[in-house]
Amino acid sequence: MLSGLKNESELHELLNRLLQHISATYSLAGQSIEISMSMGVTVYPQDNPDPDILMEPRG
């Protein structure tokens, strides 16, 4: 969970930086390992006023 962001633009900027840092190719024991990630984002209360619903896993 993230808090303290002023607007959705800050959120997008932060998430893009996170993706850039995590998505990379690493060398481990002489082998290339490619790391990537995906994420979903929901904004409270715009997307749903019930925080319990927002925290449910999505597939």
PDB file of N, CA and C in Angstrom:
ATOM      1  N   MET A   1       0.839  -1.166   0.000  1.00  0.00           N
ATOM      2  CA  MET A   1       0.000   0.000   0.000  1.00  0.00           C
ATOM      3  C   MET A   1       0.890   1.236   0.000  1.00  0.00           C
ATOM      4  N   LEU A   2       0.446   2.223  -0.732  1.00  0.00           N
ATOM      5  CA  LEU A   2       1.158   3.496  -0.809  1.00  0.00           C
ATOM      6  C   LEU A   2       0.252   4.591  -0.272  1.00  0.00           C
ATOM      7  N   SER A   3       0.819   5.540   0.394  1.00  0.00           N
ATOM      8  CA  SER A   3       0.044   6.696   0.843  1.00  0.00           C
ATOM      9  C   SER A   3       0.920   7.934   0.708  1.00  0.00           C
ATOM     10  N   GLY A   4       0.299   9.083   0.794  1.00  0.00           N
ATOM     11  CA  GLY A   4       1.044  10.329   0.747  1.00  0.00           C
ATOM     12  C   GLY A   4       1.300  10.873  -0.641  1.00  0.00           C
ATOM     13  N   LEU A   5       0.813  10.181  -1.662  1.00  0.00           N
ATOM     14  CA  LEU A   5       0.981  10.695  -3.022  1.00  0.00           C
ATOM     15  C   LEU A   5      -0.062  11.782  -3.260  1.00  0.00           C
ATOM     16  N   LYS A   6       0.339  12.825  -3.964  1.00  0.00           N
ATOM     17  CA  LYS A   6      -0.554  13.965  -4.156  1.00  0.00           C
ATOM     18  C   LYS A   6      -1.591  13.745  -5.247  1.00  0.00           C
ATOM     19  N   ASN A   7      -1.234  12.951  -6.268  1.00  0.00           N
ATOM     20  CA  ASN A   7      -2.163  12.741  -7.374  1.00  0.00           C
ATOM     21  C   ASN A   7      -1.783  11.462  -8.123  1.00  0.00           C
ATOM     22  N   GLU A   8      -2.617  11.089  -9.077  1.00  0.00           N
ATOM     23  CA  GLU A   8      -2.367   9.859  -9.831  1.00  0.00           C
ATOM     24  C   GLU A   8      -1.129   9.970 -10.713  1.00  0.00           C
ATOM     25  N   SER A   9      -0.764  11.167 -11.109  1.00  0.00           N
ATOM     26  CA  SER A   9       0.454  11.356 -11.898  1.00  0.00           C
ATOM     27  C   SER A   9       1.685  10.927 -11.093  1.00  0.00           C
ATOM     28  N   GLU A  10       1.732  11.286  -9.814  1.00  0.00           N
ATOM     29  CA  GLU A  10       2.833  10.847  -8.949  1.00  0.00           C
ATOM     30  C   GLU A  10       2.835   9.331  -8.811  1.00  0.00           C
ATOM     31  N   LEU A  11       1.658   8.745  -8.719  1.00  0.00           N
ATOM     32  CA  LEU A  11       1.540   7.291  -8.619  1.00  0.00           C
ATOM     33  C   LEU A  11       2.121   6.620  -9.857  1.00  0.00           C
ATOM     34  N   HIS A  12       1.735   7.097 -11.037  1.00  0.00           N
ATOM     35  CA  HIS A  12       2.236   6.514 -12.288  1.00  0.00           C
ATOM     36  C   HIS A  12       3.750   6.661 -12.396  1.00  0.00           C
ATOM     37  N   GLU A  13       4.268   7.809 -11.998  1.00  0.00           N
ATOM     38  CA  GLU A  13       5.714   8.034 -12.048  1.00  0.00           C
ATOM     39  C   GLU A  13       6.441   7.060 -11.118  1.00  0.00           C
ATOM     40  N   LEU A  14       5.934   6.891  -9.917  1.00  0.00           N
ATOM     41  CA  LEU A  14       6.549   5.974  -8.958  1.00  0.00           C
ATOM     42  C   LEU A  14       6.512   4.535  -9.462  1.00  0.00           C
ATOM     43  N   LEU A  15       5.372   4.110  -9.995  1.00  0.00           N
ATOM     44  CA  LEU A  15       5.248   2.738 -10.485  1.00  0.00           C
ATOM     45  C   LEU A  15       6.145   2.486 -11.690  1.00  0.00           C
ATOM     46  N   ASN A  16       6.273   3.460 -12.571  1.00  0.00           N
ATOM     47  CA  ASN A  16       7.178   3.310 -13.718  1.00  0.00           C
ATOM     48  C   ASN A  16       8.628   3.175 -13.263  1.00  0.00           C
ATOM     49  N   ARG A  17       9.034   3.970 -12.273  1.00  0.00           N
ATOM     50  CA  ARG A  17      10.400   3.845 -11.745  1.00  0.00           C
ATOM     51  C   ARG A  17      10.609   2.478 -11.111  1.00  0.00           C
ATOM     52  N   LEU A  18       9.621   2.000 -10.388  1.00  0.00           N
ATOM     53  CA  LEU A  18       9.712   0.681  -9.765  1.00  0.00           C
ATOM     54  C   LEU A  18       9.874  -0.410 -10.817  1.00  0.00           C
ATOM     55  N   LEU A  19       9.071  -0.351 -11.873  1.00  0.00           N
ATOM     56  CA  LEU A  19       9.182  -1.331 -12.955  1.00  0.00           C
ATOM     57  C   LEU A  19      10.556  -1.291 -13.613  1.00  0.00           C
ATOM     58  N   GLN A  20      11.088  -0.101 -13.833  1.00  0.00           N
ATOM     59  CA  GLN A  20      12.405   0.031 -14.461  1.00  0.00           C
ATOM     60  C   GLN A  20      13.499  -0.582 -13.598  1.00  0.00           C
ATOM     61  N   HIS A  21      13.405  -0.420 -12.291  1.00  0.00           N
ATOM     62  CA  HIS A  21      14.439  -0.942 -11.391  1.00  0.00           C
ATOM     63  C   HIS A  21      14.354  -2.452 -11.230  1.00  0.00           C
ATOM     64  N   ILE A  22      13.151  -2.988 -11.250  1.00  0.00           N
ATOM     65  CA  ILE A  22      12.986  -4.427 -11.014  1.00  0.00           C
ATOM     66  C   ILE A  22      13.152  -5.229 -12.299  1.00  0.00           C
ATOM     67  N   SER A  23      12.637  -4.724 -13.406  1.00  0.00           N
ATOM     68  CA  SER A  23      12.713  -5.453 -14.675  1.00  0.00           C
ATOM     69  C   SER A  23      14.113  -5.308 -15.251  1.00  0.00           C
ATOM     70  N   ALA A  24      14.898  -6.351 -15.129  1.00  0.00           N
ATOM     71  CA  ALA A  24      16.288  -6.302 -15.591  1.00  0.00           C
ATOM     72  C   ALA A  24      16.798  -7.719 -15.795  1.00  0.00           C
ATOM     73  N   THR A  25      17.960  -7.811 -16.411  1.00  0.00           N
ATOM     74  CA  THR A  25      18.629  -9.098 -16.577  1.00  0.00           C
ATOM     75  C   THR A  25      19.818  -9.134 -15.626  1.00  0.00           C
ATOM     76  N   TYR A  26      19.900 -10.202 -14.868  1.00  0.00           N
ATOM     77  CA  TYR A  26      20.969 -10.379 -13.886  1.00  0.00           C
ATOM     78  C   TYR A  26      21.771 -11.615 -14.241  1.00  0.00           C
ATOM     79  N   SER A  27      23.006 -11.634 -13.796  1.00  0.00           N
ATOM     80  CA  SER A  27      23.851 -12.806 -13.980  1.00  0.00           C
ATOM     81  C   SER A  27      23.974 -13.507 -12.635  1.00  0.00           C
ATOM     82  N   LEU A  28      23.652 -14.796 -12.618  1.00  0.00           N
ATOM     83  CA  LEU A  28      23.715 -15.584 -11.395  1.00  0.00           C
ATOM     84  C   LEU A  28      24.357 -16.923 -11.711  1.00  0.00           C
ATOM     85  N   ALA A  29      25.482 -17.181 -11.103  1.00  0.00           N
ATOM     86  CA  ALA A  29      26.210 -18.439 -11.312  1.00  0.00           C
ATOM     87  C   ALA A  29      26.458 -18.695 -12.794  1.00  0.00           C
ATOM     88  N   GLY A  30      26.809 -17.631 -13.524  1.00  0.00           N
ATOM     89  CA  GLY A  30      27.130 -17.769 -14.932  1.00  0.00           C
ATOM     90  C   GLY A  30      25.936 -17.868 -15.859  1.00  0.00           C
ATOM     91  N   GLN A  31      24.738 -17.715 -15.344  1.00  0.00           N
ATOM     92  CA  GLN A  31      23.537 -17.772 -16.180  1.00  0.00           C
ATOM     93  C   GLN A  31      22.801 -16.443 -16.117  1.00  0.00           C
ATOM     94  N   SER A  32      22.184 -16.079 -17.244  1.00  0.00           N
ATOM     95  CA  SER A  32      21.375 -14.867 -17.282  1.00  0.00           C
ATOM     96  C   SER A  32      19.984 -15.171 -16.749  1.00  0.00           C
ATOM     97  N   ILE A  33      19.554 -14.345 -15.836  1.00  0.00           N
ATOM     98  CA  ILE A  33      18.223 -14.468 -15.255  1.00  0.00           C
ATOM     99  C   ILE A  33      17.481 -13.173 -15.557  1.00  0.00           C
ATOM    100  N   GLU A  34      16.347 -13.285 -16.228  1.00  0.00           N
ATOM    101  CA  GLU A  34      15.545 -12.103 -16.528  1.00  0.00           C
ATOM    102  C   GLU A  34      14.425 -11.994 -15.503  1.00  0.00           C
ATOM    103  N   ILE A  35      14.359 -10.850 -14.854  1.00  0.00           N
ATOM    104  CA  ILE A  35      13.348 -10.588 -13.838  1.00  0.00           C
ATOM    105  C   ILE A  35      12.353  -9.587 -14.413  1.00  0.00           C
ATOM    106  N   SER A  36      11.098  -9.891 -14.239  1.00  0.00           N
ATOM    107  CA  SER A  36      10.053  -8.953 -14.652  1.00  0.00           C
ATOM    108  C   SER A  36       8.934  -9.014 -13.620  1.00  0.00           C
ATOM    109  N   MET A  37       8.024  -8.104 -13.717  1.00  0.00           N
ATOM    110  CA  MET A  37       6.901  -8.100 -12.794  1.00  0.00           C
ATOM    111  C   MET A  37       5.698  -7.469 -13.459  1.00  0.00           C
ATOM    112  N   SER A  38       4.571  -7.746 -12.891  1.00  0.00           N
ATOM    113  CA  SER A  38       3.346  -7.067 -13.289  1.00  0.00           C
ATOM    114  C   SER A  38       2.642  -6.656 -12.010  1.00  0.00           C
ATOM    115  N   MET A  39       1.805  -5.666 -12.111  1.00  0.00           N
ATOM    116  CA  MET A  39       1.107  -5.188 -10.925  1.00  0.00           C
ATOM    117  C   MET A  39      -0.243  -4.630 -11.312  1.00  0.00           C
ATOM    118  N   GLY A  40      -1.094  -4.620 -10.355  1.00  0.00           N
ATOM    119  CA  GLY A  40      -2.393  -3.996 -10.507  1.00  0.00           C
ATOM    120  C   GLY A  40      -2.493  -2.854  -9.512  1.00  0.00           C
ATOM    121  N   VAL A  41      -3.221  -1.847  -9.871  1.00  0.00           N
ATOM    122  CA  VAL A  41      -3.325  -0.672  -9.013  1.00  0.00           C
ATOM    123  C   VAL A  41      -4.789  -0.298  -8.867  1.00  0.00           C
ATOM    124  N   THR A  42      -5.147   0.044  -7.666  1.00  0.00           N
ATOM    125  CA  THR A  42      -6.470   0.590  -7.413  1.00  0.00           C
ATOM    126  C   THR A  42      -6.299   1.807  -6.512  1.00  0.00           C
ATOM    127  N   VAL A  43      -7.136   2.785  -6.693  1.00  0.00           N
ATOM    128  CA  VAL A  43      -7.022   4.036  -5.945  1.00  0.00           C
ATOM    129  C   VAL A  43      -8.249   4.183  -5.056  1.00  0.00           C
ATOM    130  N   TYR A  44      -7.989   4.352  -3.765  1.00  0.00           N
ATOM    131  CA  TYR A  44      -9.066   4.517  -2.784  1.00  0.00           C
ATOM    132  C   TYR A  44      -9.326   5.992  -2.587  1.00  0.00           C
ATOM    133  N   PRO A  45     -10.533   6.453  -2.552  1.00  0.00           N
ATOM    134  CA  PRO A  45     -11.805   5.755  -2.656  1.00  0.00           C
ATOM    135  C   PRO A  45     -12.398   5.779  -4.057  1.00  0.00           C
ATOM    136  N   GLN A  46     -11.652   6.301  -5.044  1.00  0.00           N
ATOM    137  CA  GLN A  46     -12.207   6.436  -6.389  1.00  0.00           C
ATOM    138  C   GLN A  46     -12.662   5.100  -6.973  1.00  0.00           C
ATOM    139  N   ASP A  47     -11.865   4.049  -6.814  1.00  0.00           N
ATOM    140  CA  ASP A  47     -12.184   2.774  -7.447  1.00  0.00           C
ATOM    141  C   ASP A  47     -13.219   1.972  -6.672  1.00  0.00           C
ATOM    142  N   ASN A  48     -13.253   2.123  -5.361  1.00  0.00           N
ATOM    143  CA  ASN A  48     -14.248   1.440  -4.536  1.00  0.00           C
ATOM    144  C   ASN A  48     -14.124   2.003  -3.127  1.00  0.00           C
ATOM    145  N   PRO A  49     -15.242   2.401  -2.529  1.00  0.00           N
ATOM    146  CA  PRO A  49     -15.163   2.985  -1.191  1.00  0.00           C
ATOM    147  C   PRO A  49     -14.928   1.958  -0.080  1.00  0.00           C
ATOM    148  N   ASP A  50     -14.973   0.664  -0.399  1.00  0.00           N
ATOM    149  CA  ASP A  50     -14.792  -0.378   0.612  1.00  0.00           C
ATOM    150  C   ASP A  50     -13.355  -0.898   0.570  1.00  0.00           C
ATOM    151  N   PRO A  51     -12.514  -0.545   1.559  1.00  0.00           N
ATOM    152  CA  PRO A  51     -11.114  -0.977   1.527  1.00  0.00           C
ATOM    153  C   PRO A  51     -10.948  -2.491   1.561  1.00  0.00           C
ATOM    154  N   ASP A  52     -11.885  -3.211   2.161  1.00  0.00           N
ATOM    155  CA  ASP A  52     -11.785  -4.678   2.176  1.00  0.00           C
ATOM    156  C   ASP A  52     -11.888  -5.248   0.766  1.00  0.00           C
ATOM    157  N   ILE A  53     -12.739  -4.677  -0.059  1.00  0.00           N
ATOM    158  CA  ILE A  53     -12.876  -5.118  -1.454  1.00  0.00           C
ATOM    159  C   ILE A  53     -11.581  -4.820  -2.216  1.00  0.00           C
ATOM    160  N   LEU A  54     -10.991  -3.651  -1.980  1.00  0.00           N
ATOM    161  CA  LEU A  54      -9.770  -3.269  -2.689  1.00  0.00           C
ATOM    162  C   LEU A  54      -8.605  -4.195  -2.372  1.00  0.00           C
ATOM    163  N   MET A  55      -8.582  -4.783  -1.190  1.00  0.00           N
ATOM    164  CA  MET A  55      -7.473  -5.636  -0.780  1.00  0.00           C
ATOM    165  C   MET A  55      -7.646  -7.092  -1.202  1.00  0.00           C
ATOM    166  N   GLU A  56      -8.777  -7.442  -1.805  1.00  0.00           N
ATOM    167  CA  GLU A  56      -8.976  -8.816  -2.264  1.00  0.00           C
ATOM    168  C   GLU A  56      -8.034  -9.118  -3.425  1.00  0.00           C
ATOM    169  N   PRO A  57      -7.471 -10.328  -3.438  1.00  0.00           N
ATOM    170  CA  PRO A  57      -6.597 -10.698  -4.561  1.00  0.00           C
ATOM    171  C   PRO A  57      -7.362 -10.733  -5.880  1.00  0.00           C
ATOM    172  N   ARG A  58      -6.705 -10.333  -6.918  1.00  0.00           N
ATOM    173  CA  ARG A  58      -7.284 -10.372  -8.267  1.00  0.00           C
ATOM    174  C   ARG A  58      -6.430 -11.284  -9.126  1.00  0.00           C
ATOM    175  N   GLY A  59      -7.063 -11.931 -10.094  1.00  0.00           N
ATOM    176  CA  GLY A  59      -6.310 -12.860 -10.934  1.00  0.00           C
ATOM    177  C   GLY A  59      -6.061 -12.399 -12.265  1.00  0.00           C
TER     178      GLY A  59
END
